[in-house]
N, C-alpha and C. Protein backbone atom coordinates (compact mmCIF):
# COMPACT_ATOMS: atom_id res chain seq x y z
N MET A 1 -21.69 -12.02 -11.48
CA MET A 1 -20.47 -11.28 -11.27
C MET A 1 -19.71 -11.17 -12.60
N GLU A 2 -19.20 -10.01 -12.87
CA GLU A 2 -18.48 -9.74 -14.11
C GLU A 2 -17.10 -10.40 -14.08
N TYR A 3 -16.71 -11.02 -15.18
CA TYR A 3 -15.39 -11.63 -15.30
C TYR A 3 -14.34 -10.55 -15.48
N ILE A 4 -13.26 -10.67 -14.74
CA ILE A 4 -12.16 -9.71 -14.84
C ILE A 4 -10.92 -10.47 -15.27
N THR A 5 -10.30 -10.04 -16.32
CA THR A 5 -9.09 -10.70 -16.80
C THR A 5 -7.92 -10.40 -15.86
N SER A 6 -6.88 -11.19 -15.97
CA SER A 6 -5.71 -10.97 -15.12
C SER A 6 -5.07 -9.61 -15.42
N VAL A 7 -5.12 -9.19 -16.66
CA VAL A 7 -4.56 -7.88 -17.02
C VAL A 7 -5.38 -6.77 -16.36
N GLU A 8 -6.69 -6.90 -16.37
CA GLU A 8 -7.55 -5.91 -15.73
C GLU A 8 -7.30 -5.89 -14.22
N ARG A 9 -7.16 -7.07 -13.62
CA ARG A 9 -6.92 -7.17 -12.18
C ARG A 9 -5.61 -6.48 -11.82
N ILE A 10 -4.57 -6.74 -12.59
CA ILE A 10 -3.27 -6.11 -12.33
C ILE A 10 -3.39 -4.59 -12.44
N GLY A 11 -4.12 -4.12 -13.44
CA GLY A 11 -4.33 -2.68 -13.60
C GLY A 11 -5.07 -2.08 -12.41
N MET A 12 -6.08 -2.79 -11.92
CA MET A 12 -6.84 -2.31 -10.75
C MET A 12 -5.95 -2.28 -9.51
N GLU A 13 -5.10 -3.28 -9.34
CA GLU A 13 -4.20 -3.31 -8.18
C GLU A 13 -3.19 -2.17 -8.24
N LYS A 14 -2.67 -1.90 -9.43
CA LYS A 14 -1.72 -0.79 -9.58
C LYS A 14 -2.38 0.55 -9.28
N GLU A 15 -3.60 0.72 -9.73
CA GLU A 15 -4.32 1.97 -9.47
C GLU A 15 -4.59 2.13 -7.97
N ALA A 16 -4.97 1.05 -7.32
CA ALA A 16 -5.21 1.10 -5.87
C ALA A 16 -3.92 1.44 -5.14
N LEU A 17 -2.82 0.89 -5.58
CA LEU A 17 -1.53 1.18 -4.96
C LEU A 17 -1.15 2.64 -5.14
N ARG A 18 -1.38 3.18 -6.32
CA ARG A 18 -1.10 4.61 -6.55
C ARG A 18 -1.97 5.49 -5.65
N PHE A 19 -3.23 5.12 -5.54
CA PHE A 19 -4.15 5.89 -4.69
C PHE A 19 -3.68 5.85 -3.23
N PHE A 20 -3.34 4.67 -2.75
CA PHE A 20 -2.88 4.51 -1.37
C PHE A 20 -1.59 5.31 -1.15
N SER A 21 -0.69 5.27 -2.10
CA SER A 21 0.56 6.04 -2.00
C SER A 21 0.28 7.53 -1.89
N ARG A 22 -0.66 8.01 -2.70
CA ARG A 22 -1.02 9.44 -2.64
C ARG A 22 -1.62 9.81 -1.29
N GLN A 23 -2.44 8.93 -0.73
CA GLN A 23 -3.06 9.21 0.56
C GLN A 23 -2.00 9.33 1.66
N ILE A 24 -1.08 8.38 1.68
CA ILE A 24 0.00 8.42 2.67
C ILE A 24 0.86 9.67 2.46
N ALA A 25 1.21 9.94 1.21
CA ALA A 25 2.05 11.11 0.91
C ALA A 25 1.38 12.40 1.36
N ARG A 26 0.11 12.49 1.10
CA ARG A 26 -0.61 13.72 1.48
C ARG A 26 -0.67 13.87 3.00
N ARG A 27 -0.97 12.79 3.68
CA ARG A 27 -1.10 12.87 5.14
C ARG A 27 0.21 13.26 5.81
N PHE A 28 1.33 12.70 5.30
CA PHE A 28 2.62 12.95 5.95
C PHE A 28 3.49 13.93 5.18
N GLN A 29 2.91 14.60 4.18
CA GLN A 29 3.56 15.66 3.42
C GLN A 29 4.91 15.24 2.84
N VAL A 30 4.88 14.12 2.11
CA VAL A 30 6.05 13.63 1.39
C VAL A 30 5.60 13.31 -0.04
N SER A 31 6.54 13.01 -0.92
CA SER A 31 6.15 12.66 -2.29
C SER A 31 5.64 11.22 -2.33
N SER A 32 4.69 10.97 -3.21
CA SER A 32 4.15 9.61 -3.32
C SER A 32 5.22 8.64 -3.81
N ASP A 33 6.18 9.14 -4.59
CA ASP A 33 7.28 8.28 -5.05
C ASP A 33 8.13 7.79 -3.88
N SER A 34 8.21 8.57 -2.82
CA SER A 34 9.04 8.18 -1.68
C SER A 34 8.41 7.07 -0.84
N VAL A 35 7.11 6.89 -0.94
CA VAL A 35 6.46 5.84 -0.13
C VAL A 35 6.22 4.56 -0.93
N GLN A 36 6.28 4.60 -2.24
CA GLN A 36 6.03 3.40 -3.05
C GLN A 36 6.96 2.25 -2.70
N PRO A 37 8.25 2.47 -2.39
CA PRO A 37 9.11 1.34 -2.03
C PRO A 37 8.64 0.58 -0.79
N PHE A 38 7.84 1.21 0.06
CA PHE A 38 7.32 0.52 1.25
C PHE A 38 6.51 -0.71 0.85
N PHE A 39 5.88 -0.65 -0.32
CA PHE A 39 4.92 -1.67 -0.72
C PHE A 39 5.54 -2.81 -1.52
N THR A 40 6.80 -2.67 -1.87
CA THR A 40 7.46 -3.70 -2.67
C THR A 40 7.43 -5.04 -1.95
N GLY A 41 6.96 -6.06 -2.65
CA GLY A 41 6.95 -7.40 -2.10
C GLY A 41 5.75 -7.75 -1.25
N LEU A 42 4.81 -6.83 -1.08
CA LEU A 42 3.62 -7.11 -0.28
C LEU A 42 2.52 -7.68 -1.17
N THR A 43 1.78 -8.62 -0.64
CA THR A 43 0.65 -9.19 -1.36
C THR A 43 -0.53 -8.23 -1.29
N THR A 44 -1.55 -8.52 -2.08
CA THR A 44 -2.75 -7.69 -2.06
C THR A 44 -3.37 -7.69 -0.66
N GLU A 45 -3.40 -8.85 -0.03
CA GLU A 45 -3.97 -8.95 1.32
C GLU A 45 -3.16 -8.13 2.32
N GLN A 46 -1.85 -8.16 2.19
CA GLN A 46 -1.00 -7.38 3.09
C GLN A 46 -1.19 -5.88 2.86
N LEU A 47 -1.35 -5.49 1.61
CA LEU A 47 -1.61 -4.08 1.31
C LEU A 47 -2.93 -3.63 1.91
N GLU A 48 -3.93 -4.52 1.87
CA GLU A 48 -5.22 -4.20 2.48
C GLU A 48 -5.07 -4.02 3.99
N GLU A 49 -4.29 -4.90 4.62
CA GLU A 49 -4.07 -4.78 6.06
C GLU A 49 -3.33 -3.49 6.39
N LEU A 50 -2.33 -3.17 5.59
CA LEU A 50 -1.59 -1.92 5.80
C LEU A 50 -2.51 -0.72 5.62
N GLY A 51 -3.42 -0.81 4.66
CA GLY A 51 -4.38 0.27 4.44
C GLY A 51 -5.28 0.50 5.64
N GLU A 52 -5.64 -0.58 6.32
CA GLU A 52 -6.46 -0.43 7.53
C GLU A 52 -5.64 0.15 8.67
N ARG A 53 -4.38 -0.24 8.77
CA ARG A 53 -3.52 0.29 9.84
C ARG A 53 -3.18 1.76 9.61
N PHE A 54 -3.14 2.16 8.34
CA PHE A 54 -2.77 3.52 7.97
C PHE A 54 -3.57 4.56 8.76
N ILE A 55 -4.81 4.25 9.03
CA ILE A 55 -5.68 5.17 9.75
C ILE A 55 -5.13 5.47 11.14
N GLU A 56 -4.47 4.49 11.74
CA GLU A 56 -3.95 4.62 13.10
C GLU A 56 -2.52 5.15 13.16
N ALA A 57 -1.85 5.26 12.02
CA ALA A 57 -0.44 5.64 12.00
C ALA A 57 -0.23 7.05 12.51
N GLU A 58 0.78 7.20 13.33
CA GLU A 58 1.13 8.51 13.86
C GLU A 58 2.21 9.19 13.03
N ASN A 59 3.00 8.38 12.30
CA ASN A 59 4.06 8.93 11.48
C ASN A 59 4.43 7.96 10.37
N LEU A 60 5.24 8.42 9.45
CA LEU A 60 5.62 7.63 8.29
C LEU A 60 6.49 6.43 8.67
N ASP A 61 7.32 6.60 9.67
CA ASP A 61 8.17 5.48 10.11
C ASP A 61 7.33 4.31 10.63
N GLN A 62 6.21 4.60 11.22
CA GLN A 62 5.33 3.55 11.72
C GLN A 62 4.78 2.72 10.54
N ILE A 63 4.42 3.37 9.46
CA ILE A 63 3.94 2.65 8.28
C ILE A 63 5.06 1.81 7.69
N ARG A 64 6.25 2.37 7.61
CA ARG A 64 7.40 1.62 7.11
C ARG A 64 7.65 0.38 7.97
N LYS A 65 7.58 0.54 9.27
CA LYS A 65 7.79 -0.59 10.18
C LYS A 65 6.72 -1.66 9.97
N TRP A 66 5.47 -1.25 9.86
CA TRP A 66 4.38 -2.21 9.65
C TRP A 66 4.57 -2.96 8.34
N ALA A 67 4.99 -2.24 7.29
CA ALA A 67 5.22 -2.88 5.99
C ALA A 67 6.33 -3.92 6.10
N ASP A 68 7.40 -3.58 6.82
CA ASP A 68 8.50 -4.54 7.03
C ASP A 68 8.02 -5.77 7.79
N GLU A 69 7.20 -5.56 8.81
CA GLU A 69 6.66 -6.69 9.59
C GLU A 69 5.80 -7.59 8.71
N LEU A 70 4.97 -7.00 7.87
CA LEU A 70 4.12 -7.78 6.98
C LEU A 70 4.97 -8.57 5.99
N ARG A 71 6.02 -7.97 5.48
CA ARG A 71 6.89 -8.62 4.52
C ARG A 71 7.59 -9.82 5.15
N GLN A 72 7.94 -9.71 6.40
CA GLN A 72 8.64 -10.80 7.10
C GLN A 72 7.74 -11.99 7.39
N ARG A 73 6.44 -11.79 7.39
CA ARG A 73 5.48 -12.87 7.63
C ARG A 73 5.43 -13.87 6.50
N GLN A 74 5.88 -13.47 5.33
CA GLN A 74 5.76 -14.33 4.14
C GLN A 74 6.62 -15.56 4.25
């Protein structure tokens, strides 16, 4: 397995977050900047869980609610 530095890992996480933001924005026809605050304070594992739930989301408020619930678990 290839060694990944902490700087590389952080860069990969930021890129994944940008990609996820674009996917949500596109699906619900909003700007990706407007959904980025949903992810503030979430761990990588929580973001992964939110990414799996995203498929089932009916609206943007549901994603916001799920993100808040995940944040409260900490």
